[in-house]
Amino acid sequence: MLTATAAASLLGALWFVPSANASSDSPVRDAVSASPSPQVTEQARIAATTADASVTGTRLADTGSFDSTPYVIGGTFCLTLGAGFVVYSVRRERLGF
């Protein structure tokens, strides 16, 4: 019974692990546009000017904030479940079941 509970807890914890998909769901376009989009052109200009200005420092892309709420909730649940099993086991041991 304890093994099944541990396996269920592990599977519940793995539910919160994000999946990384290497392929997209949308079909691939056949034709590639000959002219770059305005966003690509602007990014190239910014990259060219910042590369000249700061050669020594490396800047990472700003991807936004990371939503860790599901991980915190899942981790708290699994921690509470594990602590409950420990308390239950200690009480059973002391009462002699």
Protein backbone atom coordinates (compact mmCIF):
# COMPACT_ATOMS: atom_id res chain seq x y z
CA MET A 1 0.00 0.00 0.00
CA LEU A 2 2.82 2.37 0.84
CA THR A 3 4.55 1.63 -2.48
CA ALA A 4 1.39 2.43 -4.41
CA THR A 5 1.00 5.68 -2.50
CA ALA A 6 4.61 6.63 -3.17
CA ALA A 7 4.18 5.88 -6.88
CA ALA A 8 0.98 7.94 -7.02
CA SER A 9 2.74 10.82 -5.25
CA LEU A 10 5.62 10.67 -7.71
CA LEU A 11 3.28 10.65 -10.69
CA GLY A 12 1.36 13.57 -9.18
CA ALA A 13 4.60 15.53 -8.79
CA LEU A 14 5.66 14.75 -12.35
CA TRP A 15 2.38 16.20 -13.59
CA PHE A 16 3.84 19.66 -12.91
CA VAL A 17 7.01 19.13 -14.99
CA PRO A 18 6.74 21.15 -18.20
CA SER A 19 7.06 19.38 -21.52
CA ALA A 20 9.42 20.54 -24.24
CA ASN A 21 8.09 20.02 -27.75
CA ALA A 22 10.66 20.20 -30.53
CA SER A 23 8.03 20.24 -33.27
CA SER A 24 5.26 22.73 -33.83
CA ASP A 25 1.61 21.99 -34.45
CA SER A 26 1.32 24.40 -37.37
CA PRO A 27 2.30 23.30 -40.90
CA VAL A 28 5.53 24.51 -42.44
CA ARG A 29 5.25 27.32 -44.96
CA ASP A 30 6.46 26.46 -48.44
CA ALA A 31 7.61 29.88 -49.55
CA VAL A 32 10.16 31.92 -47.63
CA SER A 33 9.68 35.68 -47.85
CA ALA A 34 12.43 37.47 -49.74
CA SER A 35 12.34 40.62 -47.60
CA PRO A 36 12.80 40.51 -43.83
CA SER A 37 9.98 41.69 -41.60
CA PRO A 38 10.25 45.12 -39.95
CA GLN A 39 10.76 43.46 -36.56
CA VAL A 40 13.75 41.47 -37.82
CA THR A 41 15.24 44.58 -39.41
CA GLU A 42 14.81 46.56 -36.19
CA GLN A 43 16.35 43.76 -34.11
CA ALA A 44 19.32 43.61 -36.47
CA ARG A 45 19.88 47.36 -36.14
CA ILE A 46 19.69 47.16 -32.34
CA ALA A 47 22.04 44.17 -32.26
CA ALA A 48 24.53 45.95 -34.50
CA THR A 49 24.56 49.12 -32.37
CA THR A 50 24.76 47.30 -29.03
CA ALA A 51 27.50 44.97 -30.26
CA ASP A 52 29.68 48.00 -30.98
CA ALA A 53 28.79 49.71 -27.69
CA SER A 54 29.32 46.82 -25.28
CA VAL A 55 31.76 44.23 -26.49
CA THR A 56 32.70 43.04 -23.00
CA GLY A 57 29.23 42.40 -21.51
CA THR A 58 26.77 39.72 -22.59
CA ARG A 59 23.07 40.48 -22.33
CA LEU A 60 20.38 37.84 -22.15
CA ALA A 61 17.02 38.18 -23.80
CA ASP A 62 14.15 39.45 -21.69
CA THR A 63 11.61 36.63 -21.89
CA GLY A 64 9.24 37.92 -19.23
CA SER A 65 8.47 36.68 -15.78
CA PHE A 66 8.26 32.99 -14.96
CA ASP A 67 4.95 31.80 -13.53
CA SER A 68 5.94 29.45 -10.74
CA THR A 69 2.49 29.18 -9.11
CA PRO A 70 1.71 25.60 -10.25
CA TYR A 71 5.15 24.43 -9.11
CA VAL A 72 4.75 26.02 -5.69
CA ILE A 73 1.26 24.55 -5.24
CA GLY A 74 2.33 21.09 -6.43
CA GLY A 75 5.48 21.10 -4.31
CA THR A 76 3.56 22.22 -1.23
CA PHE A 77 0.97 19.51 -1.80
CA CYS A 78 3.59 16.77 -2.20
CA LEU A 79 5.55 18.01 0.83
CA THR A 80 2.39 18.05 2.94
CA LEU A 81 1.40 14.59 1.73
CA GLY A 82 4.85 13.20 2.55
CA ALA A 83 4.85 14.81 6.00
CA GLY A 84 1.40 13.35 6.63
CA PHE A 85 2.64 9.86 5.76
CA VAL A 86 5.59 10.26 8.12
CA VAL A 87 3.32 11.36 10.97
CA TYR A 88 0.93 8.48 10.22
CA SER A 89 3.79 5.94 10.22
CA VAL A 90 5.24 7.25 13.49
CA ARG A 91 1.83 7.12 15.20
CA ARG A 92 1.24 3.57 13.99
CA GLU A 93 4.66 2.52 15.24
CA ARG A 94 4.15 4.04 18.68
CA LEU A 95 0.66 2.59 19.13
CA GLY A 96 1.88 -0.88 18.15
CA PHE A 97 -0.27 -1.61 15.11
